[in-house]
């Protein structure tokens, strides 16, 4: 694939963010986006796989979308506890592997020699962050937490195309508990609204 004019321009992030001092971080303008899409393809894939699972659950559970022709035997709704646990554990493992690799590739670290602690704790957090909303999706048919998680993933990888001093994935990877809190609050609100019959089944 050839790059079309204008050619790539190398600039310091300070120029783009209008900072007073150079950051030493050089970014490329006008080209090479295809490379970044391909390198980050695994993260995009996880986001769209979760989005597909959400659509599958909605099509089985709601009347306002055409239903799937055949429901899969590996996932009936609402899923039993063992079945939901297996699906959630698999989703959590996939999320953990891809997001930990993404953090390693981007060089996410902390000062000092405790980087391995960050990766150990955050790897567990990545599993919990994905397993909980997926379990709520297939077991209790709560759509909002899994949808928010998918949005977080896609926004995270998309933000890597924006020139910035801050690394959005460092926040996602290191402060996973903040995102988990948001998902749990959303789950509580959705469950409460359903329980109080303020949301009718569509």
N, C-alpha and C. Protein backbone atom coordinates (compact mmCIF):
# COMPACT_ATOMS: atom_id res chain seq x y z
N UNK A 1 0.85 -1.19 0.00
CA UNK A 1 0.00 0.00 0.00
C UNK A 1 0.88 1.24 0.00
N UNK A 2 0.60 2.17 -0.87
CA UNK A 2 1.38 3.40 -0.95
C UNK A 2 0.68 4.51 -0.18
N UNK A 3 1.49 5.39 0.38
CA UNK A 3 0.95 6.56 1.07
C UNK A 3 0.73 7.66 0.03
N UNK A 4 -0.42 8.29 0.09
CA UNK A 4 -0.71 9.38 -0.84
C UNK A 4 -0.27 10.70 -0.23
N UNK A 5 0.10 11.67 -1.05
CA UNK A 5 0.52 12.98 -0.53
C UNK A 5 -0.57 13.61 0.30
N UNK A 6 -0.26 14.44 1.27
CA UNK A 6 1.11 14.82 1.66
C UNK A 6 1.81 13.71 2.43
N UNK A 7 3.11 13.73 2.42
CA UNK A 7 3.89 12.70 3.09
C UNK A 7 3.83 12.84 4.60
N UNK A 8 4.39 11.87 5.31
CA UNK A 8 4.38 11.92 6.78
C UNK A 8 5.15 13.12 7.32
N UNK A 9 4.64 13.69 8.38
CA UNK A 9 5.30 14.80 9.05
C UNK A 9 5.53 14.41 10.51
N UNK A 10 6.76 14.54 10.97
CA UNK A 10 7.12 14.15 12.33
C UNK A 10 7.11 15.38 13.21
N UNK A 11 6.30 15.32 14.26
CA UNK A 11 6.18 16.48 15.16
C UNK A 11 6.19 16.01 16.60
N UNK A 12 6.64 16.91 17.48
CA UNK A 12 6.58 16.64 18.91
C UNK A 12 5.15 16.82 19.39
N UNK A 13 4.75 16.00 20.35
CA UNK A 13 3.40 16.11 20.89
C UNK A 13 3.14 17.50 21.45
N UNK A 14 4.18 18.16 21.96
CA UNK A 14 4.03 19.50 22.53
C UNK A 14 3.48 20.48 21.50
N UNK A 15 3.86 20.30 20.21
CA UNK A 15 3.34 21.19 19.17
C UNK A 15 1.84 20.99 18.98
N UNK A 16 1.40 19.73 19.05
CA UNK A 16 -0.01 19.43 18.82
C UNK A 16 -0.87 19.80 20.01
N UNK A 17 -0.33 19.61 21.20
CA UNK A 17 -1.10 19.89 22.42
C UNK A 17 -0.86 21.28 22.97
N UNK A 18 -0.03 22.08 22.27
CA UNK A 18 0.28 23.46 22.65
C UNK A 18 0.85 23.53 24.06
N UNK A 19 1.83 22.65 24.32
CA UNK A 19 2.52 22.64 25.60
C UNK A 19 3.74 23.55 25.52
N UNK A 20 4.17 24.06 26.67
CA UNK A 20 5.27 25.03 26.68
C UNK A 20 6.63 24.39 26.46
N UNK A 21 6.80 23.12 26.86
CA UNK A 21 8.09 22.46 26.73
C UNK A 21 7.95 21.19 25.89
N UNK A 22 9.01 20.83 25.16
CA UNK A 22 8.96 19.59 24.36
C UNK A 22 8.79 18.37 25.27
N UNK A 23 8.06 17.38 24.77
CA UNK A 23 7.84 16.17 25.55
C UNK A 23 8.80 15.05 25.20
N UNK A 24 9.41 15.14 24.02
CA UNK A 24 10.27 14.06 23.57
C UNK A 24 9.50 12.93 22.90
N UNK A 25 8.17 13.07 22.85
CA UNK A 25 7.32 12.06 22.21
C UNK A 25 7.01 12.55 20.79
N UNK A 26 7.46 11.80 19.81
CA UNK A 26 7.28 12.17 18.41
C UNK A 26 6.13 11.38 17.81
N UNK A 27 5.29 12.07 17.09
CA UNK A 27 4.15 11.42 16.44
C UNK A 27 4.23 11.69 14.95
N UNK A 28 3.54 10.86 14.18
CA UNK A 28 3.53 10.97 12.73
C UNK A 28 2.18 11.47 12.27
N UNK A 29 2.20 12.49 11.44
CA UNK A 29 0.97 13.00 10.84
C UNK A 29 0.89 12.56 9.38
N UNK A 30 -0.29 12.53 8.86
CA UNK A 30 -0.52 12.29 7.43
C UNK A 30 0.01 10.95 6.94
N UNK A 31 -0.41 9.89 7.57
CA UNK A 31 -0.04 8.59 7.02
C UNK A 31 0.20 7.53 8.07
N UNK A 32 0.45 6.32 7.63
CA UNK A 32 0.82 5.18 8.47
C UNK A 32 -0.29 4.73 9.39
N UNK A 33 -1.52 5.16 9.16
CA UNK A 33 -2.62 4.73 10.03
C UNK A 33 -2.92 3.25 9.85
N UNK A 34 -2.71 2.73 8.64
CA UNK A 34 -2.99 1.32 8.39
C UNK A 34 -2.15 0.44 9.30
N UNK A 35 -0.94 0.85 9.59
CA UNK A 35 -0.06 0.08 10.47
C UNK A 35 -0.65 0.00 11.86
N UNK A 36 -1.15 1.09 12.36
CA UNK A 36 -1.71 1.09 13.71
C UNK A 36 -2.98 0.28 13.80
N UNK A 37 -3.77 0.30 12.75
CA UNK A 37 -4.97 -0.53 12.74
C UNK A 37 -4.62 -2.00 12.81
N UNK A 38 -3.61 -2.42 12.06
CA UNK A 38 -3.25 -3.83 12.02
C UNK A 38 -2.63 -4.29 13.33
N UNK A 39 -1.78 -3.47 13.93
CA UNK A 39 -1.14 -3.85 15.19
C UNK A 39 -2.17 -3.97 16.31
N UNK A 40 -3.19 -3.10 16.29
CA UNK A 40 -4.20 -3.10 17.34
C UNK A 40 -5.41 -3.96 16.97
N UNK A 41 -5.28 -4.80 15.95
CA UNK A 41 -6.42 -5.56 15.44
C UNK A 41 -7.01 -6.48 16.50
N UNK A 42 -6.18 -7.05 17.38
CA UNK A 42 -6.71 -7.98 18.38
C UNK A 42 -7.65 -7.28 19.36
N UNK A 43 -7.34 -6.03 19.69
CA UNK A 43 -8.21 -5.29 20.61
C UNK A 43 -9.53 -4.95 19.93
N UNK A 44 -9.46 -4.53 18.66
CA UNK A 44 -10.69 -4.28 17.92
C UNK A 44 -11.53 -5.55 17.85
N UNK A 45 -10.87 -6.69 17.66
CA UNK A 45 -11.58 -7.97 17.53
C UNK A 45 -12.33 -8.31 18.81
N UNK A 46 -11.69 -8.11 19.97
CA UNK A 46 -12.35 -8.38 21.25
C UNK A 46 -13.59 -7.50 21.40
N UNK A 47 -13.45 -6.22 21.07
CA UNK A 47 -14.59 -5.31 21.18
C UNK A 47 -15.76 -5.74 20.32
N UNK A 48 -15.47 -6.13 19.09
CA UNK A 48 -16.56 -6.52 18.18
C UNK A 48 -17.10 -7.91 18.50
N UNK A 49 -16.30 -8.79 19.07
CA UNK A 49 -16.83 -10.08 19.54
C UNK A 49 -17.83 -9.87 20.66
N UNK A 50 -17.49 -8.99 21.62
CA UNK A 50 -18.42 -8.69 22.70
C UNK A 50 -19.68 -8.03 22.15
N UNK A 51 -19.51 -7.15 21.16
CA UNK A 51 -20.66 -6.50 20.55
C UNK A 51 -21.56 -7.53 19.86
N UNK A 52 -20.95 -8.53 19.22
CA UNK A 52 -21.73 -9.59 18.60
C UNK A 52 -22.49 -10.42 19.62
N UNK A 53 -21.87 -10.70 20.77
CA UNK A 53 -22.55 -11.44 21.82
C UNK A 53 -23.74 -10.65 22.36
N UNK A 54 -23.56 -9.34 22.52
CA UNK A 54 -24.65 -8.50 22.99
C UNK A 54 -25.81 -8.53 21.99
N UNK A 55 -25.49 -8.42 20.71
CA UNK A 55 -26.54 -8.46 19.69
C UNK A 55 -27.26 -9.81 19.72
N UNK A 56 -26.50 -10.88 19.89
CA UNK A 56 -27.10 -12.23 19.93
C UNK A 56 -28.10 -12.33 21.08
N UNK A 57 -27.71 -11.83 22.26
CA UNK A 57 -28.59 -11.88 23.42
C UNK A 57 -29.83 -11.02 23.19
N UNK A 58 -29.64 -9.84 22.61
CA UNK A 58 -30.78 -8.95 22.34
C UNK A 58 -31.75 -9.61 21.37
N UNK A 59 -31.22 -10.24 20.33
CA UNK A 59 -32.09 -10.87 19.33
C UNK A 59 -32.87 -12.05 19.91
N UNK A 60 -32.28 -12.76 20.87
CA UNK A 60 -33.00 -13.86 21.51
C UNK A 60 -34.00 -13.38 22.55
N UNK A 61 -33.71 -12.23 23.15
CA UNK A 61 -34.48 -11.80 24.32
C UNK A 61 -35.49 -10.69 24.03
N UNK A 62 -35.36 -10.02 22.91
CA UNK A 62 -36.23 -8.89 22.60
C UNK A 62 -37.01 -9.15 21.32
N UNK A 63 -38.15 -8.50 21.20
CA UNK A 63 -39.00 -8.68 20.03
C UNK A 63 -38.79 -7.62 18.96
N UNK A 64 -38.08 -6.52 19.31
CA UNK A 64 -37.96 -5.43 18.35
C UNK A 64 -36.83 -5.62 17.34
N UNK A 65 -36.06 -6.70 17.46
CA UNK A 65 -35.09 -7.08 16.45
C UNK A 65 -35.44 -8.47 15.93
N UNK A 66 -35.22 -8.72 14.66
CA UNK A 66 -35.49 -10.08 14.15
C UNK A 66 -34.66 -11.10 14.92
N UNK A 67 -35.27 -12.18 15.31
CA UNK A 67 -34.58 -13.18 16.11
C UNK A 67 -33.63 -13.98 15.23
N UNK A 68 -32.65 -14.62 15.87
CA UNK A 68 -31.76 -15.49 15.12
C UNK A 68 -32.53 -16.73 14.69
N UNK A 69 -32.15 -17.29 13.57
CA UNK A 69 -32.90 -18.42 13.03
C UNK A 69 -32.78 -19.64 13.94
N UNK A 70 -31.57 -19.86 14.46
CA UNK A 70 -31.36 -20.99 15.34
C UNK A 70 -30.54 -20.53 16.53
N UNK A 71 -31.04 -20.76 17.72
CA UNK A 71 -30.25 -20.44 18.90
C UNK A 71 -29.18 -21.51 19.08
N UNK A 72 -28.02 -21.09 19.53
CA UNK A 72 -26.90 -22.00 19.71
C UNK A 72 -27.07 -22.80 20.98
N UNK A 73 -26.70 -24.07 20.92
CA UNK A 73 -26.88 -24.93 22.09
C UNK A 73 -25.96 -24.54 23.23
N UNK A 74 -24.85 -23.86 22.90
CA UNK A 74 -23.90 -23.49 23.95
C UNK A 74 -24.36 -22.28 24.76
N UNK A 75 -25.42 -21.61 24.30
CA UNK A 75 -25.89 -20.45 25.03
C UNK A 75 -27.40 -20.32 24.88
N UNK A 76 -28.12 -20.73 25.92
CA UNK A 76 -29.56 -20.52 25.98
C UNK A 76 -29.82 -19.44 27.03
N UNK A 77 -30.88 -18.68 26.82
CA UNK A 77 -31.16 -17.56 27.73
C UNK A 77 -32.43 -17.80 28.51
N UNK A 78 -32.43 -17.46 29.80
CA UNK A 78 -31.24 -17.08 30.56
C UNK A 78 -30.37 -18.30 30.83
N UNK A 79 -29.07 -18.12 30.75
CA UNK A 79 -28.14 -19.23 30.92
C UNK A 79 -28.14 -19.70 32.37
N UNK A 80 -27.95 -20.99 32.55
CA UNK A 80 -27.78 -21.52 33.90
C UNK A 80 -26.46 -21.06 34.48
N UNK A 81 -26.30 -21.21 35.78
CA UNK A 81 -25.07 -20.72 36.42
C UNK A 81 -23.80 -21.34 35.84
N UNK A 82 -23.74 -22.68 35.66
CA UNK A 82 -22.51 -23.25 35.09
C UNK A 82 -22.23 -22.74 33.68
N UNK A 83 -23.28 -22.68 32.87
CA UNK A 83 -23.11 -22.22 31.50
C UNK A 83 -22.68 -20.75 31.47
N UNK A 84 -23.32 -19.92 32.27
CA UNK A 84 -22.96 -18.50 32.33
C UNK A 84 -21.54 -18.31 32.84
N UNK A 85 -21.14 -19.12 33.82
CA UNK A 85 -19.79 -19.02 34.37
C UNK A 85 -18.74 -19.38 33.33
N UNK A 86 -19.01 -20.39 32.51
CA UNK A 86 -18.06 -20.79 31.47
C UNK A 86 -17.91 -19.70 30.42
N UNK A 87 -19.04 -19.14 29.96
CA UNK A 87 -18.99 -18.08 28.96
C UNK A 87 -18.27 -16.85 29.52
N UNK A 88 -18.59 -16.48 30.76
CA UNK A 88 -17.96 -15.31 31.37
C UNK A 88 -16.47 -15.53 31.60
N UNK A 89 -16.08 -16.73 32.03
CA UNK A 89 -14.67 -17.02 32.26
C UNK A 89 -13.89 -16.97 30.94
N UNK A 90 -14.47 -17.50 29.87
CA UNK A 90 -13.80 -17.46 28.57
C UNK A 90 -13.65 -16.03 28.08
N UNK A 91 -14.71 -15.23 28.23
CA UNK A 91 -14.64 -13.82 27.82
C UNK A 91 -13.61 -13.07 28.65
N UNK A 92 -13.58 -13.34 29.96
CA UNK A 92 -12.60 -12.69 30.82
C UNK A 92 -11.17 -13.06 30.45
N UNK A 93 -10.94 -14.32 30.12
CA UNK A 93 -9.60 -14.76 29.74
C UNK A 93 -9.16 -14.11 28.44
N UNK A 94 -10.05 -14.06 27.45
CA UNK A 94 -9.73 -13.41 26.19
C UNK A 94 -9.40 -11.94 26.40
N UNK A 95 -10.22 -11.26 27.17
CA UNK A 95 -10.00 -9.85 27.48
C UNK A 95 -8.68 -9.64 28.20
N UNK A 96 -8.36 -10.53 29.14
CA UNK A 96 -7.12 -10.40 29.91
C UNK A 96 -5.89 -10.54 29.03
N UNK A 97 -5.87 -11.57 28.20
CA UNK A 97 -4.71 -11.82 27.35
C UNK A 97 -4.48 -10.65 26.39
N UNK A 98 -5.53 -10.21 25.73
CA UNK A 98 -5.38 -9.15 24.72
C UNK A 98 -5.02 -7.82 25.37
N UNK A 99 -5.69 -7.46 26.45
CA UNK A 99 -5.44 -6.16 27.06
C UNK A 99 -4.09 -6.10 27.78
N UNK A 100 -3.65 -7.22 28.34
CA UNK A 100 -2.33 -7.24 28.96
C UNK A 100 -1.25 -7.15 27.89
N UNK A 101 -1.44 -7.85 26.79
CA UNK A 101 -0.49 -7.74 25.68
C UNK A 101 -0.46 -6.31 25.15
N UNK A 102 -1.64 -5.69 25.03
CA UNK A 102 -1.72 -4.32 24.53
C UNK A 102 -0.97 -3.36 25.45
N UNK A 103 -1.13 -3.55 26.76
CA UNK A 103 -0.40 -2.71 27.72
C UNK A 103 1.10 -2.91 27.60
N UNK A 104 1.52 -4.17 27.44
CA UNK A 104 2.95 -4.46 27.30
C UNK A 104 3.50 -3.85 26.02
N UNK A 105 2.75 -3.93 24.94
CA UNK A 105 3.20 -3.37 23.66
C UNK A 105 3.32 -1.86 23.72
N UNK A 106 2.41 -1.22 24.45
CA UNK A 106 2.44 0.24 24.58
C UNK A 106 3.45 0.72 25.61
N UNK A 107 4.01 -0.22 26.39
CA UNK A 107 4.99 0.16 27.40
C UNK A 107 4.40 0.74 28.66
N UNK A 108 3.20 0.32 29.02
CA UNK A 108 2.57 0.80 30.25
C UNK A 108 3.38 0.29 31.44
N UNK A 109 3.79 1.19 32.30
CA UNK A 109 4.59 0.80 33.46
C UNK A 109 4.43 1.85 34.55
N UNK A 110 5.04 1.59 35.69
CA UNK A 110 5.06 2.54 36.80
C UNK A 110 6.50 2.76 37.20
N UNK A 111 6.75 3.83 37.91
CA UNK A 111 8.11 4.13 38.34
C UNK A 111 8.56 3.12 39.40
N UNK A 112 9.85 2.84 39.41
CA UNK A 112 10.39 1.86 40.36
C UNK A 112 10.41 0.47 39.77
N UNK A 113 10.70 -0.49 40.60
CA UNK A 113 10.80 -1.88 40.16
C UNK A 113 9.56 -2.68 40.52
N UNK A 114 8.42 -2.05 40.50
CA UNK A 114 7.18 -2.74 40.89
C UNK A 114 6.24 -2.90 39.70
N UNK A 115 6.81 -2.84 38.49
CA UNK A 115 5.97 -2.99 37.30
C UNK A 115 5.29 -4.33 37.24
N UNK A 116 5.96 -5.37 37.75
CA UNK A 116 5.36 -6.71 37.72
C UNK A 116 4.13 -6.78 38.61
N UNK A 117 4.10 -5.96 39.69
CA UNK A 117 2.91 -5.93 40.55
C UNK A 117 1.74 -5.32 39.79
N UNK A 118 2.02 -4.24 39.04
CA UNK A 118 0.97 -3.61 38.24
C UNK A 118 0.38 -4.62 37.26
N UNK A 119 1.24 -5.36 36.57
CA UNK A 119 0.76 -6.31 35.57
C UNK A 119 0.01 -7.47 36.22
N UNK A 120 0.46 -7.91 37.40
CA UNK A 120 -0.20 -9.02 38.07
C UNK A 120 -1.60 -8.60 38.54
N UNK A 121 -1.68 -7.46 39.22
CA UNK A 121 -2.97 -6.99 39.75
C UNK A 121 -3.91 -6.60 38.61
N UNK A 122 -3.38 -5.91 37.62
CA UNK A 122 -4.23 -5.46 36.52
C UNK A 122 -4.68 -6.61 35.63
N UNK A 123 -3.87 -7.66 35.54
CA UNK A 123 -4.30 -8.82 34.76
C UNK A 123 -5.51 -9.48 35.41
N UNK A 124 -5.48 -9.60 36.72
CA UNK A 124 -6.65 -10.12 37.44
C UNK A 124 -7.83 -9.17 37.24
N UNK A 125 -7.55 -7.87 37.31
CA UNK A 125 -8.60 -6.88 37.11
C UNK A 125 -9.21 -6.93 35.73
N UNK A 126 -8.38 -7.19 34.71
CA UNK A 126 -8.90 -7.30 33.35
C UNK A 126 -9.86 -8.48 33.22
N UNK A 127 -9.54 -9.57 33.94
CA UNK A 127 -10.43 -10.73 33.90
C UNK A 127 -11.77 -10.40 34.57
N UNK A 128 -11.71 -9.80 35.75
CA UNK A 128 -12.93 -9.45 36.48
C UNK A 128 -13.75 -8.44 35.69
N UNK A 129 -13.06 -7.46 35.09
CA UNK A 129 -13.75 -6.39 34.37
C UNK A 129 -14.59 -6.92 33.22
N UNK A 130 -14.13 -7.98 32.57
CA UNK A 130 -14.91 -8.55 31.47
C UNK A 130 -15.86 -9.64 31.93
N UNK A 131 -15.42 -10.47 32.88
CA UNK A 131 -16.24 -11.62 33.29
C UNK A 131 -17.54 -11.18 33.97
N UNK A 132 -17.49 -10.14 34.78
CA UNK A 132 -18.69 -9.73 35.52
C UNK A 132 -19.81 -9.26 34.58
N UNK A 133 -19.57 -8.30 33.68
CA UNK A 133 -20.68 -7.87 32.82
C UNK A 133 -21.15 -8.95 31.84
N UNK A 134 -20.24 -9.82 31.38
CA UNK A 134 -20.67 -10.89 30.48
C UNK A 134 -21.53 -11.90 31.24
N UNK A 135 -21.17 -12.18 32.50
CA UNK A 135 -22.00 -13.07 33.31
C UNK A 135 -23.39 -12.47 33.51
N UNK A 136 -23.43 -11.17 33.83
CA UNK A 136 -24.72 -10.50 34.01
C UNK A 136 -25.53 -10.48 32.71
N UNK A 137 -24.83 -10.44 31.57
CA UNK A 137 -25.51 -10.43 30.28
C UNK A 137 -26.19 -11.77 30.00
N UNK A 138 -25.46 -12.86 30.14
CA UNK A 138 -26.01 -14.15 29.74
C UNK A 138 -26.83 -14.81 30.85
N UNK A 139 -26.58 -14.44 32.09
CA UNK A 139 -27.32 -15.04 33.21
C UNK A 139 -28.58 -14.25 33.55
N UNK A 140 -28.45 -12.92 33.61
CA UNK A 140 -29.58 -12.07 34.03
C UNK A 140 -30.09 -11.17 32.91
N UNK A 141 -29.50 -11.28 31.71
CA UNK A 141 -29.91 -10.51 30.54
C UNK A 141 -29.83 -9.01 30.78
N UNK A 142 -28.82 -8.57 31.52
CA UNK A 142 -28.58 -7.14 31.73
C UNK A 142 -27.68 -6.65 30.60
N UNK A 143 -28.22 -5.80 29.75
CA UNK A 143 -27.56 -5.38 28.52
C UNK A 143 -26.57 -4.24 28.76
N UNK A 144 -26.89 -3.31 29.64
CA UNK A 144 -26.13 -2.07 29.77
C UNK A 144 -24.68 -2.30 30.21
N UNK A 145 -24.39 -3.12 31.23
CA UNK A 145 -22.98 -3.29 31.63
C UNK A 145 -22.08 -3.82 30.52
N UNK A 146 -22.53 -4.84 29.80
CA UNK A 146 -21.72 -5.39 28.71
C UNK A 146 -21.57 -4.39 27.57
N UNK A 147 -22.61 -3.60 27.32
CA UNK A 147 -22.53 -2.57 26.28
C UNK A 147 -21.52 -1.50 26.67
N UNK A 148 -21.54 -1.08 27.92
CA UNK A 148 -20.56 -0.09 28.39
C UNK A 148 -19.14 -0.65 28.30
N UNK A 149 -18.95 -1.90 28.70
CA UNK A 149 -17.63 -2.52 28.60
C UNK A 149 -17.13 -2.50 27.16
N UNK A 150 -17.99 -2.88 26.22
CA UNK A 150 -17.60 -2.87 24.82
C UNK A 150 -17.25 -1.46 24.35
N UNK A 151 -18.04 -0.49 24.79
CA UNK A 151 -17.73 0.90 24.47
C UNK A 151 -16.39 1.33 25.02
N UNK A 152 -16.08 0.94 26.26
CA UNK A 152 -14.78 1.26 26.86
C UNK A 152 -13.63 0.68 26.04
N UNK A 153 -13.79 -0.57 25.60
CA UNK A 153 -12.73 -1.23 24.84
C UNK A 153 -12.51 -0.52 23.51
N UNK A 154 -13.58 -0.24 22.79
CA UNK A 154 -13.45 0.39 21.47
C UNK A 154 -12.95 1.83 21.59
N UNK A 155 -13.38 2.56 22.60
CA UNK A 155 -12.88 3.92 22.79
C UNK A 155 -11.42 3.90 23.20
N UNK A 156 -11.03 2.89 23.99
CA UNK A 156 -9.64 2.77 24.43
C UNK A 156 -8.71 2.59 23.24
N UNK A 157 -9.02 1.65 22.36
CA UNK A 157 -8.13 1.40 21.23
C UNK A 157 -8.22 2.52 20.20
N UNK A 158 -9.39 3.14 20.06
CA UNK A 158 -9.53 4.24 19.10
C UNK A 158 -8.73 5.46 19.56
N UNK A 159 -8.64 5.66 20.88
CA UNK A 159 -7.93 6.82 21.41
C UNK A 159 -6.44 6.75 21.15
N UNK A 160 -5.91 5.56 20.83
CA UNK A 160 -4.49 5.44 20.52
C UNK A 160 -4.14 6.14 19.22
N UNK A 161 -5.12 6.54 18.43
CA UNK A 161 -4.87 7.27 17.19
C UNK A 161 -4.79 8.77 17.43
N UNK A 162 -5.02 9.21 18.65
CA UNK A 162 -5.01 10.63 18.98
C UNK A 162 -3.69 11.00 19.63
N UNK A 163 -3.04 12.00 19.11
CA UNK A 163 -1.77 12.45 19.69
C UNK A 163 -2.03 13.07 21.06
N UNK A 164 -1.45 12.49 22.08
CA UNK A 164 -1.67 12.99 23.44
C UNK A 164 -0.52 12.55 24.33
N UNK A 165 -0.24 13.37 25.32
CA UNK A 165 0.79 13.01 26.30
C UNK A 165 0.29 11.86 27.17
N UNK A 166 -1.00 11.85 27.46
CA UNK A 166 -1.58 10.81 28.30
C UNK A 166 -1.86 9.55 27.48
N UNK A 167 -1.76 8.40 28.13
CA UNK A 167 -2.04 7.13 27.48
C UNK A 167 -3.37 6.62 27.99
N UNK A 168 -4.40 6.57 27.15
CA UNK A 168 -5.71 6.13 27.62
C UNK A 168 -5.71 4.68 28.09
N UNK A 169 -4.86 3.84 27.50
CA UNK A 169 -4.86 2.44 27.92
C UNK A 169 -4.21 2.28 29.29
N UNK A 170 -3.29 3.17 29.64
CA UNK A 170 -2.69 3.11 30.99
C UNK A 170 -3.77 3.32 32.04
N UNK A 171 -4.72 4.23 31.77
CA UNK A 171 -5.82 4.44 32.70
C UNK A 171 -6.74 3.23 32.74
N UNK A 172 -7.07 2.69 31.58
CA UNK A 172 -7.95 1.53 31.51
C UNK A 172 -7.32 0.33 32.20
N UNK A 173 -6.03 0.12 31.97
CA UNK A 173 -5.32 -1.05 32.51
C UNK A 173 -5.01 -0.88 34.00
N UNK A 174 -4.60 0.30 34.40
CA UNK A 174 -4.20 0.51 35.79
C UNK A 174 -5.34 0.83 36.73
N UNK A 175 -6.36 1.52 36.22
CA UNK A 175 -7.49 1.93 37.06
C UNK A 175 -8.74 1.15 36.66
N UNK A 176 -8.60 -0.14 36.43
CA UNK A 176 -9.71 -0.99 36.00
C UNK A 176 -10.87 -0.99 36.99
N UNK A 177 -10.54 -0.80 38.28
CA UNK A 177 -11.58 -0.83 39.32
C UNK A 177 -12.55 0.33 39.17
N UNK A 178 -12.10 1.45 38.60
CA UNK A 178 -13.00 2.57 38.34
C UNK A 178 -14.04 2.17 37.30
N UNK A 179 -13.58 1.54 36.23
CA UNK A 179 -14.49 1.07 35.18
C UNK A 179 -15.43 -0.01 35.72
N UNK A 180 -14.90 -0.88 36.58
CA UNK A 180 -15.75 -1.92 37.17
C UNK A 180 -16.84 -1.29 38.03
N UNK A 181 -16.50 -0.25 38.78
CA UNK A 181 -17.50 0.44 39.58
C UNK A 181 -18.60 1.04 38.72
N UNK A 182 -18.21 1.63 37.58
CA UNK A 182 -19.20 2.19 36.66
C UNK A 182 -20.13 1.11 36.13
N UNK A 183 -19.55 -0.05 35.78
CA UNK A 183 -20.36 -1.15 35.26
C UNK A 183 -21.32 -1.68 36.31
N UNK A 184 -20.86 -1.78 37.56
CA UNK A 184 -21.73 -2.29 38.63
C UNK A 184 -22.86 -1.31 38.93
N UNK A 185 -22.56 -0.02 38.92
CA UNK A 185 -23.60 0.98 39.13
C UNK A 185 -24.64 0.89 38.00
N UNK A 186 -24.16 0.77 36.76
CA UNK A 186 -25.09 0.65 35.63
C UNK A 186 -25.94 -0.61 35.74
N UNK A 187 -25.32 -1.72 36.19
CA UNK A 187 -26.07 -2.96 36.37
C UNK A 187 -27.14 -2.80 37.44
N UNK A 188 -26.78 -2.13 38.53
CA UNK A 188 -27.75 -1.91 39.60
C UNK A 188 -28.92 -1.06 39.14
N UNK A 189 -28.62 -0.03 38.35
CA UNK A 189 -29.69 0.84 37.86
C UNK A 189 -30.61 0.08 36.91
N UNK A 190 -30.01 -0.68 35.98
CA UNK A 190 -30.83 -1.44 35.03
C UNK A 190 -31.67 -2.49 35.75
N UNK A 191 -31.07 -3.18 36.72
CA UNK A 191 -31.81 -4.20 37.46
C UNK A 191 -32.93 -3.56 38.27
N UNK A 192 -32.63 -2.41 38.90
CA UNK A 192 -33.65 -1.73 39.68
C UNK A 192 -34.81 -1.24 38.84
N UNK A 193 -34.50 -0.72 37.64
CA UNK A 193 -35.57 -0.26 36.76
C UNK A 193 -36.43 -1.42 36.28
N UNK A 194 -35.81 -2.54 35.99
CA UNK A 194 -36.59 -3.70 35.57
C UNK A 194 -37.45 -4.22 36.72
N UNK A 195 -36.87 -4.26 37.89
CA UNK A 195 -37.59 -4.77 39.06
C UNK A 195 -38.79 -3.91 39.39
N UNK A 196 -38.64 -2.60 39.21
CA UNK A 196 -39.74 -1.69 39.52
C UNK A 196 -40.71 -1.51 38.35
N UNK A 197 -40.45 -2.27 37.27
CA UNK A 197 -41.33 -2.25 36.10
C UNK A 197 -41.39 -0.88 35.42
N UNK A 198 -40.33 -0.07 35.62
CA UNK A 198 -40.27 1.20 34.91
C UNK A 198 -39.83 0.99 33.47
N UNK A 199 -39.16 -0.13 33.21
CA UNK A 199 -38.81 -0.49 31.85
C UNK A 199 -39.64 -1.70 31.45
N UNK A 200 -40.46 -1.52 30.47
CA UNK A 200 -41.26 -2.66 29.99
C UNK A 200 -40.41 -3.49 29.04
N UNK A 201 -40.65 -4.76 29.02
CA UNK A 201 -39.96 -5.63 28.09
C UNK A 201 -40.38 -5.29 26.68
N UNK A 202 -39.40 -5.01 25.83
CA UNK A 202 -39.68 -4.60 24.44
C UNK A 202 -39.76 -5.83 23.55
